[in-house]
C-alpha atoms as a PDB file:
ATOM      1  CA  MET A   1      22.360  14.601 -10.250  1.00  0.00           C
ATOM      2  CA  SER A   2      21.574  13.954  -6.742  1.00  0.00           C
ATOM      3  CA  ARG A   3      19.280  11.315  -5.699  1.00  0.00           C
ATOM      4  CA  PRO A   4      15.925  12.702  -4.357  1.00  0.00           C
ATOM      5  CA  GLY A   5      15.124  11.909  -0.568  1.00  0.00           C
ATOM      6  CA  PRO A   6      11.764  11.472   1.256  1.00  0.00           C
ATOM      7  CA  ILE A   7      12.124  14.811   3.037  1.00  0.00           C
ATOM      8  CA  SER A   8      12.518  18.390   1.475  1.00  0.00           C
ATOM      9  CA  ARG A   9      13.427  21.289   3.584  1.00  0.00           C
ATOM     10  CA  TYR A  10      11.964  24.848   3.202  1.00  0.00           C
ATOM     11  CA  ARG A  11      12.257  28.254   4.803  1.00  0.00           C
ATOM     12  CA  VAL A  12       8.729  29.256   5.837  1.00  0.00           C
ATOM     13  CA  ARG A  13       7.291  32.259   7.930  1.00  0.00           C
ATOM     14  CA  GLN A  14       5.330  30.714  11.022  1.00  0.00           C
ATOM     15  CA  VAL A  15       2.401  32.967  12.417  1.00  0.00           C
ATOM     16  CA  SER A  16       1.313  31.907  15.832  1.00  0.00           C
ATOM     17  CA  ARG A  17      -0.998  34.134  18.131  1.00  0.00           C
ATOM     18  CA  GLY A  18       0.089  37.448  16.456  1.00  0.00           C
ATOM     19  CA  HIS A  19       3.716  36.548  16.408  1.00  0.00           C
ATOM     20  CA  GLU A  20       5.646  35.514  13.508  1.00  0.00           C
ATOM     21  CA  ARG A  21       9.256  34.060  12.782  1.00  0.00           C
ATOM     22  CA  GLU A  22      11.137  32.634  10.312  1.00  0.00           C
ATOM     23  CA  ARG A  23      11.941  28.847  10.576  1.00  0.00           C
ATOM     24  CA  ARG A  24      12.784  25.628   8.512  1.00  0.00           C
ATOM     25  CA  ASP A  25      10.180  23.391   7.881  1.00  0.00           C
ATOM     26  CA  ASP A  26      10.578  19.556   6.774  1.00  0.00           C
ATOM     27  CA  LEU A  27       7.971  18.551   4.099  1.00  0.00           C
ATOM     28  CA  ALA A  28       7.341  14.936   2.545  1.00  0.00           C
ATOM     29  CA  THR A  29       8.675  14.912  -0.907  1.00  0.00           C
ATOM     30  CA  GLU A  30       6.635  14.311  -3.787  1.00  0.00           C
ATOM     31  CA  GLU A  31       8.038  13.511  -7.206  1.00  0.00           C
ATOM     32  CA  PRO A  32       6.929  11.616 -10.248  1.00  0.00           C
ATOM     33  CA  LEU A  33       7.841   7.938 -10.854  1.00  0.00           C
ATOM     34  CA  GLU A  34       7.831   6.606 -14.396  1.00  0.00           C
ATOM     35  CA  ILE A  35       7.518   2.734 -14.271  1.00  0.00           C
ATOM     36  CA  ARG A  36       8.900   0.750 -17.477  1.00  0.00           C
ATOM     37  CA  VAL A  37       8.894  -2.766 -18.301  1.00  0.00           C
ATOM     38  CA  LEU A  38      11.486  -4.429 -20.377  1.00  0.00           C
ATOM     39  CA  ALA A  39      11.689  -7.742 -22.219  1.00  0.00           C
ATOM     40  CA  ALA A  40      13.027  -9.179 -25.290  1.00  0.00           C
ATOM     41  CA  GLY A  41      14.314  -6.013 -26.433  1.00  0.00           C
ATOM     42  CA  GLU A  42      11.072  -4.138 -25.860  1.00  0.00           C
ATOM     43  CA  SER A  43      10.580  -1.246 -23.286  1.00  0.00           C
ATOM     44  CA  ARG A  44       7.170  -0.032 -22.626  1.00  0.00           C
ATOM     45  CA  THR A  45       6.078   2.553 -20.233  1.00  0.00           C
ATOM     46  CA  VAL A  46       3.520   1.207 -18.078  1.00  0.00           C
ATOM     47  CA  ALA A  47       2.522   4.111 -15.512  1.00  0.00           C
ATOM     48  CA  ILE A  48       3.735   7.306 -14.016  1.00  0.00           C
ATOM     49  CA  THR A  49       2.679   7.744 -10.313  1.00  0.00           C
ATOM     50  CA  MET A  50       3.358  10.568  -7.880  1.00  0.00           C
ATOM     51  CA  ARG A  51       5.373   9.262  -4.973  1.00  0.00           C
ATOM     52  CA  THR A  52       7.610   9.771  -1.907  1.00  0.00           C
ATOM     53  CA  PRO A  53      11.307   8.784  -3.246  1.00  0.00           C
ATOM     54  CA  GLY A  54      12.319   5.682  -1.425  1.00  0.00           C
ATOM     55  CA  ALA A  55      11.956   2.012  -1.950  1.00  0.00           C
ATOM     56  CA  ASP A  56      11.368   2.909  -5.578  1.00  0.00           C
ATOM     57  CA  PHE A  57      12.185  -0.522  -6.927  1.00  0.00           C
ATOM     58  CA  GLU A  58       9.626  -2.043  -4.313  1.00  0.00           C
ATOM     59  CA  LEU A  59       7.235   0.290  -5.480  1.00  0.00           C
ATOM     60  CA  ALA A  60       7.566  -0.738  -9.123  1.00  0.00           C
ATOM     61  CA  ALA A  61       7.385  -4.269  -8.394  1.00  0.00           C
ATOM     62  CA  GLY A  62       4.402  -3.970  -6.042  1.00  0.00           C
ATOM     63  CA  PHE A  63       2.364  -1.802  -8.420  1.00  0.00           C
ATOM     64  CA  LEU A  64       2.988  -4.194 -11.498  1.00  0.00           C
ATOM     65  CA  HIS A  65       2.139  -7.290  -9.262  1.00  0.00           C
ATOM     66  CA  GLY A  66      -1.093  -5.588  -8.162  1.00  0.00           C
ATOM     67  CA  GLU A  67      -2.197  -4.658 -11.502  1.00  0.00           C
ATOM     68  CA  GLY A  68      -1.598  -8.317 -12.710  1.00  0.00           C
ATOM     69  CA  VAL A  69       1.330  -7.262 -15.017  1.00  0.00           C
ATOM     70  CA  ILE A  70       3.915  -9.672 -13.146  1.00  0.00           C
ATOM     71  CA  ALA A  71       4.002 -12.664 -11.122  1.00  0.00           C
ATOM     72  CA  PRO A  72       6.595 -13.811  -8.654  1.00  0.00           C
ATOM     73  CA  GLY A  73       9.558 -15.240 -10.307  1.00  0.00           C
ATOM     74  CA  ASP A  74       8.855 -12.847 -13.554  1.00  0.00           C
ATOM     75  CA  VAL A  75      11.623 -10.134 -12.510  1.00  0.00           C
ATOM     76  CA  THR A  76      15.147 -10.567 -13.343  1.00  0.00           C
ATOM     77  CA  ALA A  77      16.575  -7.229 -12.692  1.00  0.00           C
ATOM     78  CA  ILE A  78      15.137  -3.811 -11.605  1.00  0.00           C
ATOM     79  CA  GLY A  79      17.152  -0.442 -11.770  1.00  0.00           C
ATOM     80  CA  TYR A  80      17.163   3.131 -12.393  1.00  0.00           C
ATOM     81  CA  CYS A  81      16.783   3.986 -16.198  1.00  0.00           C
ATOM     82  CA  THR A  82      20.036   5.222 -17.913  1.00  0.00           C
ATOM     83  CA  ASP A  83      18.222   5.285 -21.595  1.00  0.00           C
ATOM     84  CA  GLU A  84      19.496   8.203 -23.779  1.00  0.00           C
ATOM     85  CA  ASP A  85      15.642   9.159 -23.950  1.00  0.00           C
ATOM     86  CA  VAL A  86      15.811   9.925 -20.097  1.00  0.00           C
ATOM     87  CA  LEU A  87      17.241  13.446 -19.048  1.00  0.00           C
ATOM     88  CA  PRO A  88      19.996  13.103 -16.290  1.00  0.00           C
ATOM     89  CA  GLU A  89      17.720  15.031 -13.702  1.00  0.00           C
ATOM     90  CA  ALA A  90      15.044  12.353 -14.175  1.00  0.00           C
ATOM     91  CA  ARG A  91      16.963   9.270 -14.092  1.00  0.00           C
ATOM     92  CA  TYR A  92      16.189   8.675 -10.244  1.00  0.00           C
ATOM     93  CA  ASN A  93      12.687   9.258 -11.277  1.00  0.00           C
ATOM     94  CA  THR A  94      12.474   6.247 -13.909  1.00  0.00           C
ATOM     95  CA  VAL A  95      12.601   2.629 -12.923  1.00  0.00           C
ATOM     96  CA  SER A  96      12.838  -0.119 -15.426  1.00  0.00           C
ATOM     97  CA  VAL A  97      11.750  -3.516 -14.513  1.00  0.00           C
ATOM     98  CA  ARG A  98      13.127  -6.617 -16.569  1.00  0.00           C
ATOM     99  CA  LEU A  99      11.246  -9.621 -17.214  1.00  0.00           C
ATOM    100  CA  ASN A 100      12.334 -13.059 -18.227  1.00  0.00           C
ATOM    101  CA  ARG A 101       9.112 -13.315 -20.534  1.00  0.00           C
ATOM    102  CA  PRO A 102       7.508 -11.284 -23.250  1.00  0.00           C
ATOM    103  CA  ILE A 103       5.738  -8.040 -21.944  1.00  0.00           C
ATOM    104  CA  PRO A 104       2.114  -9.072 -21.078  1.00  0.00           C
ATOM    105  CA  GLU A 105      -1.126  -7.189 -22.438  1.00  0.00           C
ATOM    106  CA  ILE A 106      -1.113  -3.902 -20.397  1.00  0.00           C
ATOM    107  CA  SER A 107      -3.794  -2.093 -22.628  1.00  0.00           C
ATOM    108  CA  HIS A 108      -5.979  -1.976 -19.679  1.00  0.00           C
ATOM    109  CA  LEU A 109      -3.686   0.330 -17.863  1.00  0.00           C
ATOM    110  CA  GLU A 110      -3.469   2.982 -20.699  1.00  0.00           C
ATOM    111  CA  ARG A 111      -6.426   5.181 -19.589  1.00  0.00           C
ATOM    112  CA  HIS A 112      -4.689   5.299 -16.183  1.00  0.00           C
ATOM    113  CA  PHE A 113      -1.173   6.352 -17.671  1.00  0.00           C
ATOM    114  CA  VAL A 114      -0.740   9.072 -15.315  1.00  0.00           C
ATOM    115  CA  THR A 115      -1.848   8.745 -11.640  1.00  0.00           C
ATOM    116  CA  SER A 116      -1.705  10.835  -8.377  1.00  0.00           C
ATOM    117  CA  SER A 117      -0.340   9.832  -4.988  1.00  0.00           C
ATOM    118  CA  ALA A 118      -4.006  10.143  -3.889  1.00  0.00           C
ATOM    119  CA  CYS A 119      -6.209   8.146  -6.041  1.00  0.00           C
ATOM    120  CA  GLY A 120      -3.993   5.222  -7.435  1.00  0.00           C
ATOM    121  CA  VAL A 121      -4.329   3.223 -10.405  1.00  0.00           C
ATOM    122  CA  CYS A 122      -7.446   0.872 -10.643  1.00  0.00           C
ATOM    123  CA  GLY A 123      -6.320  -1.353 -13.535  1.00  0.00           C
ATOM    124  CA  SER A 124      -9.150  -3.597 -13.271  1.00  0.00           C
ATOM    125  CA  GLY A 125     -11.888  -0.973 -13.107  1.00  0.00           C
ATOM    126  CA  SER A 126     -14.586  -3.180 -11.545  1.00  0.00           C
ATOM    127  CA  LEU A 127     -15.306  -6.424  -9.610  1.00  0.00           C
ATOM    128  CA  ASP A 128     -16.183  -8.170 -12.878  1.00  0.00           C
ATOM    129  CA  ALA A 129     -12.522  -7.494 -14.156  1.00  0.00           C
ATOM    130  CA  LEU A 130     -11.180  -8.572 -11.039  1.00  0.00           C
ATOM    131  CA  ARG A 131     -13.009 -12.083 -10.866  1.00  0.00           C
ATOM    132  CA  ASN A 132     -11.116 -12.862 -14.146  1.00  0.00           C
ATOM    133  CA  ARG A 133      -7.630 -12.577 -12.536  1.00  0.00           C
ATOM    134  CA  CYS A 134      -7.952 -13.070  -8.698  1.00  0.00           C
ATOM    135  CA  ALA A 135      -9.323 -16.180  -7.066  1.00  0.00           C
ATOM    136  CA  PRO A 136     -11.421 -15.922  -3.780  1.00  0.00           C
ATOM    137  CA  LEU A 137      -9.853 -16.858  -0.438  1.00  0.00           C
ATOM    138  CA  THR A 138     -11.696 -20.141  -0.111  1.00  0.00           C
ATOM    139  CA  GLY A 139     -11.022 -23.048   2.165  1.00  0.00           C
ATOM    140  CA  PRO A 140     -10.543 -23.035   5.911  1.00  0.00           C
ATOM    141  CA  THR A 141      -8.263 -20.398   7.365  1.00  0.00           C
ATOM    142  CA  THR A 142      -5.842 -20.587  10.317  1.00  0.00           C
ATOM    143  CA  LEU A 143      -5.711 -16.862  10.686  1.00  0.00           C
ATOM    144  CA  THR A 144      -7.599 -15.381  13.604  1.00  0.00           C
ATOM    145  CA  VAL A 145      -6.706 -12.281  15.739  1.00  0.00           C
ATOM    146  CA  THR A 146      -7.955 -11.002  18.932  1.00  0.00           C
ATOM    147  CA  PRO A 147      -9.566  -7.460  19.443  1.00  0.00           C
ATOM    148  CA  GLU A 148      -6.719  -6.760  21.938  1.00  0.00           C
ATOM    149  CA  ILE A 149      -4.145  -7.318  19.343  1.00  0.00           C
ATOM    150  CA  LEU A 150      -6.060  -5.155  16.547  1.00  0.00           C
ATOM    151  CA  TYR A 151      -6.196  -2.258  19.314  1.00  0.00           C
ATOM    152  CA  GLY A 152      -2.241  -2.160  19.531  1.00  0.00           C
ATOM    153  CA  LEU A 153      -1.489  -2.011  15.702  1.00  0.00           C
ATOM    154  CA  PRO A 154      -1.889   1.596  15.120  1.00  0.00           C
ATOM    155  CA  ALA A 155       0.249   2.530  17.796  1.00  0.00           C
ATOM    156  CA  THR A 156       3.087  -0.015  16.595  1.00  0.00           C
ATOM    157  CA  LEU A 157       2.842   1.158  13.047  1.00  0.00           C
ATOM    158  CA  ARG A 158       3.020   4.870  14.051  1.00  0.00           C
ATOM    159  CA  GLN A 159       6.225   4.193  15.918  1.00  0.00           C
ATOM    160  CA  ALA A 160       7.660   2.744  12.674  1.00  0.00           C
ATOM    161  CA  GLN A 161       6.877   6.203  10.815  1.00  0.00           C
ATOM    162  CA  GLY A 162      10.253   7.799  11.082  1.00  0.00           C
ATOM    163  CA  VAL A 163       9.571  10.379   8.145  1.00  0.00           C
ATOM    164  CA  PHE A 164       5.811  11.061   9.292  1.00  0.00           C
ATOM    165  CA  GLY A 165       7.518  12.104  12.665  1.00  0.00           C
ATOM    166  CA  ARG A 166       9.354  14.713  11.066  1.00  0.00           C
ATOM    167  CA  THR A 167       6.904  15.899   8.371  1.00  0.00           C
ATOM    168  CA  GLY A 168       3.389  14.950   9.463  1.00  0.00           C
ATOM    169  CA  GLY A 169       2.567  14.246   5.820  1.00  0.00           C
ATOM    170  CA  LEU A 170       2.740  10.798   4.995  1.00  0.00           C
ATOM    171  CA  HIS A 171       0.674   7.479   5.138  1.00  0.00           C
ATOM    172  CA  ALA A 172       1.902   4.160   6.076  1.00  0.00           C
ATOM    173  CA  ALA A 173       1.259   0.423   5.437  1.00  0.00           C
ATOM    174  CA  GLY A 174       2.287  -2.300   7.781  1.00  0.00           C
ATOM    175  CA  LEU A 175       2.471  -5.992   7.645  1.00  0.00           C
ATOM    176  CA  PHE A 176       2.024  -7.949  10.712  1.00  0.00           C
ATOM    177  CA  THR A 177       1.691 -11.409  12.108  1.00  0.00           C
ATOM    178  CA  PRO A 178      -1.362 -12.524  14.059  1.00  0.00           C
ATOM    179  CA  ASP A 179       0.455 -11.796  17.507  1.00  0.00           C
ATOM    180  CA  GLY A 180       0.673  -8.071  16.422  1.00  0.00           C
ATOM    181  CA  THR A 181       4.492  -8.577  15.595  1.00  0.00           C
ATOM    182  CA  LEU A 182       5.383  -5.801  12.803  1.00  0.00           C
ATOM    183  CA  ILE A 183       7.301  -7.649   9.846  1.00  0.00           C
ATOM    184  CA  GLN A 184       7.741  -4.426   7.659  1.00  0.00           C
ATOM    185  CA  ALA A 185       6.361  -1.005   7.113  1.00  0.00           C
ATOM    186  CA  ARG A 186       6.510   1.647   4.344  1.00  0.00           C
ATOM    187  CA  GLU A 187       5.808   5.173   3.992  1.00  0.00           C
ATOM    188  CA  ASP A 188       4.544   7.322   1.083  1.00  0.00           C
ATOM    189  CA  VAL A 189       2.231  10.409   0.234  1.00  0.00           C
ATOM    190  CA  GLY A 190      -0.253   7.899  -1.138  1.00  0.00           C
ATOM    191  CA  ARG A 191      -1.596   5.140   0.756  1.00  0.00           C
ATOM    192  CA  HIS A 192      -1.691   2.887  -2.399  1.00  0.00           C
ATOM    193  CA  ASN A 193       2.036   3.486  -2.819  1.00  0.00           C
ATOM    194  CA  ALA A 194       2.895   2.559   0.763  1.00  0.00           C
ATOM    195  CA  VAL A 195       1.033  -0.723   0.033  1.00  0.00           C
ATOM    196  CA  ASP A 196       2.749  -1.315  -3.222  1.00  0.00           C
ATOM    197  CA  LYS A 197       6.055  -0.811  -1.539  1.00  0.00           C
ATOM    198  CA  LEU A 198       5.091  -3.211   1.121  1.00  0.00           C
ATOM    199  CA  VAL A 199       4.121  -5.837  -1.472  1.00  0.00           C
ATOM    200  CA  GLY A 200       6.909  -5.377  -3.663  1.00  0.00           C
ATOM    201  CA  TRP A 201       9.338  -5.987  -0.513  1.00  0.00           C
ATOM    202  CA  ALA A 202       7.561  -9.342  -0.190  1.00  0.00           C
ATOM    203  CA  LEU A 203       7.723  -9.874  -3.886  1.00  0.00           C
ATOM    204  CA  LEU A 204      11.501  -9.329  -4.250  1.00  0.00           C
ATOM    205  CA  GLN A 205      12.118 -11.089  -0.748  1.00  0.00           C
ATOM    206  CA  GLY A 206      10.391 -14.247  -2.233  1.00  0.00           C
ATOM    207  CA  ARG A 207       7.442 -14.039   0.591  1.00  0.00           C
ATOM    208  CA  LEU A 208       4.554 -14.015  -1.734  1.00  0.00           C
ATOM    209  CA  PRO A 209       1.834 -15.038  -1.129  1.00  0.00           C
ATOM    210  CA  LEU A 210       1.311 -13.217   2.410  1.00  0.00           C
ATOM    211  CA  THR A 211      -1.062 -15.844   3.634  1.00  0.00           C
ATOM    212  CA  GLY A 212      -1.405 -15.620   7.435  1.00  0.00           C
ATOM    213  CA  HIS A 213      -0.399 -11.861   7.565  1.00  0.00           C
ATOM    214  CA  LEU A 214      -2.589  -8.771   8.518  1.00  0.00           C
ATOM    215  CA  LEU A 215      -2.266  -5.415   6.542  1.00  0.00           C
ATOM    216  CA  LEU A 216      -2.763  -2.066   8.263  1.00  0.00           C
ATOM    217  CA  VAL A 217      -3.270   1.155   6.561  1.00  0.00           C
ATOM    218  CA  SER A 218      -3.082   4.623   8.112  1.00  0.00           C
ATOM    219  CA  GLY A 219      -5.967   6.153   6.106  1.00  0.00           C
ATOM    220  CA  ARG A 220      -9.109   4.728   4.602  1.00  0.00           C
ATOM    221  CA  ALA A 221      -9.483   1.392   2.934  1.00  0.00           C
ATOM    222  CA  SER A 222     -10.114   1.768  -0.767  1.00  0.00           C
ATOM    223  CA  TYR A 223     -10.913  -0.461  -3.588  1.00  0.00           C
ATOM    224  CA  GLU A 224      -7.349  -0.282  -4.822  1.00  0.00           C
ATOM    225  CA  ILE A 225      -6.011  -1.248  -1.436  1.00  0.00           C
ATOM    226  CA  LEU A 226      -8.172  -4.108  -1.023  1.00  0.00           C
ATOM    227  CA  GLN A 227      -7.301  -5.257  -4.672  1.00  0.00           C
ATOM    228  CA  LYS A 228      -3.664  -5.004  -4.006  1.00  0.00           C
ATOM    229  CA  ALA A 229      -3.990  -6.998  -0.757  1.00  0.00           C
ATOM    230  CA  LEU A 230      -6.168  -9.695  -2.488  1.00  0.00           C
ATOM    231  CA  ALA A 231      -3.509 -10.112  -5.225  1.00  0.00           C
ATOM    232  CA  ALA A 232      -0.863 -10.565  -2.398  1.00  0.00           C
ATOM    233  CA  GLY A 233      -2.939 -13.231  -0.593  1.00  0.00           C
ATOM    234  CA  ILE A 234      -3.674 -11.029   2.395  1.00  0.00           C
ATOM    235  CA  GLU A 235      -6.727 -12.226   4.314  1.00  0.00           C
ATOM    236  CA  LEU A 236      -7.340  -9.399   6.785  1.00  0.00           C
ATOM    237  CA  VAL A 237      -6.875  -5.553   6.094  1.00  0.00           C
ATOM    238  CA  CYS A 238      -7.487  -3.099   8.657  1.00  0.00           C
ATOM    239  CA  ALA A 239      -7.637   0.737   8.346  1.00  0.00           C
ATOM    240  CA  VAL A 240      -7.524   3.510  10.828  1.00  0.00           C
ATOM    241  CA  SER A 241     -10.539   5.398   8.889  1.00  0.00           C
ATOM    242  CA  ALA A 242     -13.411   4.462   6.823  1.00  0.00           C
ATOM    243  CA  PRO A 243     -13.645   1.767   4.044  1.00  0.00           C
ATOM    244  CA  SER A 244     -15.511   2.680   0.742  1.00  0.00           C
ATOM    245  CA  SER A 245     -18.544   0.824  -0.203  1.00  0.00           C
ATOM    246  CA  LEU A 246     -16.617  -1.055  -3.149  1.00  0.00           C
ATOM    247  CA  ALA A 247     -13.929  -1.976  -0.867  1.00  0.00           C
ATOM    248  CA  VAL A 248     -16.575  -3.660   1.437  1.00  0.00           C
ATOM    249  CA  ASP A 249     -17.928  -5.241  -1.640  1.00  0.00           C
ATOM    250  CA  LEU A 250     -14.771  -6.623  -2.751  1.00  0.00           C
ATOM    251  CA  ALA A 251     -13.713  -7.963   0.668  1.00  0.00           C
ATOM    252  CA  ARG A 252     -17.247  -9.769   0.988  1.00  0.00           C
ATOM    253  CA  GLU A 253     -17.256 -11.449  -2.433  1.00  0.00           C
ATOM    254  CA  PHE A 254     -13.397 -12.547  -2.173  1.00  0.00           C
ATOM    255  CA  GLY A 255     -13.424 -13.859   1.269  1.00  0.00           C
ATOM    256  CA  GLN A 256     -11.217 -10.911   3.001  1.00  0.00           C
ATOM    257  CA  THR A 257     -11.800  -9.634   6.469  1.00  0.00           C
ATOM    258  CA  LEU A 258     -11.942  -5.951   6.526  1.00  0.00           C
ATOM    259  CA  VAL A 259     -11.533  -3.787   9.602  1.00  0.00           C
ATOM    260  CA  GLY A 260     -12.073  -0.017   9.649  1.00  0.00           C
ATOM    261  CA  PHE A 261     -12.184   2.644  12.129  1.00  0.00           C
ATOM    262  CA  LEU A 262      -9.367   1.128  14.108  1.00  0.00           C
ATOM    263  CA  ARG A 263      -8.449   3.515  16.598  1.00  0.00           C
ATOM    264  CA  GLU A 264      -8.868   4.229  20.381  1.00  0.00           C
ATOM    265  CA  GLU A 265      -9.603   0.651  21.106  1.00  0.00           C
ATOM    266  CA  ARG A 266     -12.559   0.288  18.794  1.00  0.00           C
ATOM    267  CA  PHE A 267     -13.118  -0.820  15.219  1.00  0.00           C
ATOM    268  CA  ASN A 268     -15.881  -2.089  12.808  1.00  0.00           C
ATOM    269  CA  VAL A 269     -15.642  -5.409  10.999  1.00  0.00           C
ATOM    270  CA  TYR A 270     -17.142  -5.023   7.546  1.00  0.00           C
ATOM    271  CA  ALA A 271     -16.383  -8.483   6.101  1.00  0.00           C
ATOM    272  CA  GLY A 272     -15.121 -11.795   7.324  1.00  0.00           C
ATOM    273  CA  ALA A 273     -15.901 -11.284  10.967  1.00  0.00           C
ATOM    274  CA  GLU A 274     -14.824 -15.120  11.616  1.00  0.00           C
ATOM    275  CA  ARG A 275     -11.201 -14.088  11.721  1.00  0.00           C
ATOM    276  CA  VAL A 276     -11.672 -11.913  14.519  1.00  0.00           C
ATOM    277  CA  THR A 277     -12.332 -13.470  17.842  1.00  0.00           C
ATOM    278  CA  PRO A 278     -15.115 -12.324  20.114  1.00  0.00           C
ATOM    279  CA  CYS A 279     -14.200  -9.806  22.685  1.00  0.00           C
ATOM    280  CA  SER A 280     -12.808 -11.517  25.951  1.00  0.00           C
ATOM    281  CA  ALA A 281     -14.335  -8.846  28.299  1.00  0.00           C
ATOM    282  CA  ALA A 282     -17.383 -10.273  30.180  1.00  0.00           C
ATOM    283  CA  PRO A 283     -20.837  -8.734  28.969  1.00  0.00           C
ATOM    284  CA  PRO A 284     -22.454  -5.862  30.994  1.00  0.00           C
ATOM    285  CA  PRO A 285     -24.789  -7.031  33.805  1.00  0.00           C
ATOM    286  CA  PRO A 286     -28.380  -7.036  32.821  1.00  0.00           C
ATOM    287  CA  ARG A 287     -30.246  -3.897  33.706  1.00  0.00           C
ATOM    288  CA  SER A 288     -32.723  -3.959  36.560  1.00  0.00           C
ATOM    289  CA  ARG A 289     -36.413  -3.488  36.034  1.00  0.00           C
END
């Protein structure tokens, strides 16, 4: 069976201003991915998520890390599953992650066994549960960024979105240094999947924790995205759209900086304003009476 790609081609009828024609349209592929964990002769399915094929091993590793199932150094191998119970046409949609220790408790994921590309899996379920496995980002920070750097992040990320440029239907997550340099970017139909792919890349490259880096997501900032960023040690999260109320609560409690509505040289800082330097522009002159 051929391996699915990130782009699927269709013939469509295009209607515009009273005229119509048949043309080819490129769409972002969306297919299920089953994530399995292997250890000591045991195999367990952790989740099934809808995703855009590509960077599947990173997605599996990032998802498992974000949900507290694995830590850096736990993974010995990742591969597509060739078990007899997997149909040939599904083998590129099933990833097995082999651990060097027994499979940890994953009952907290059972009620989220199947997740869509839109909502993600919230394994913690609440801030109370998150407190049990993630420590706040305490202590002095060396990460500061200027408004001018933040202004330029969306355009830089957009230039790295090759599949979005062809389909217009993908989210993206980008990892940046404080001077605005793009380190890595990943795309997916789901915002949380794009973040998982990025964190999974860092885990497999031995780069975790990502202290001193910025994360930019192309959509809104949800609780799941802040949770995944916190688990990866990311201090500053930016989104081109709005954050949710629980995302703001999480950022404020755990010491993260959260920036929303980052577009057209403007943004809101919802938490951790100390990491964003004051504007360098001179204040407007006082109004005459």
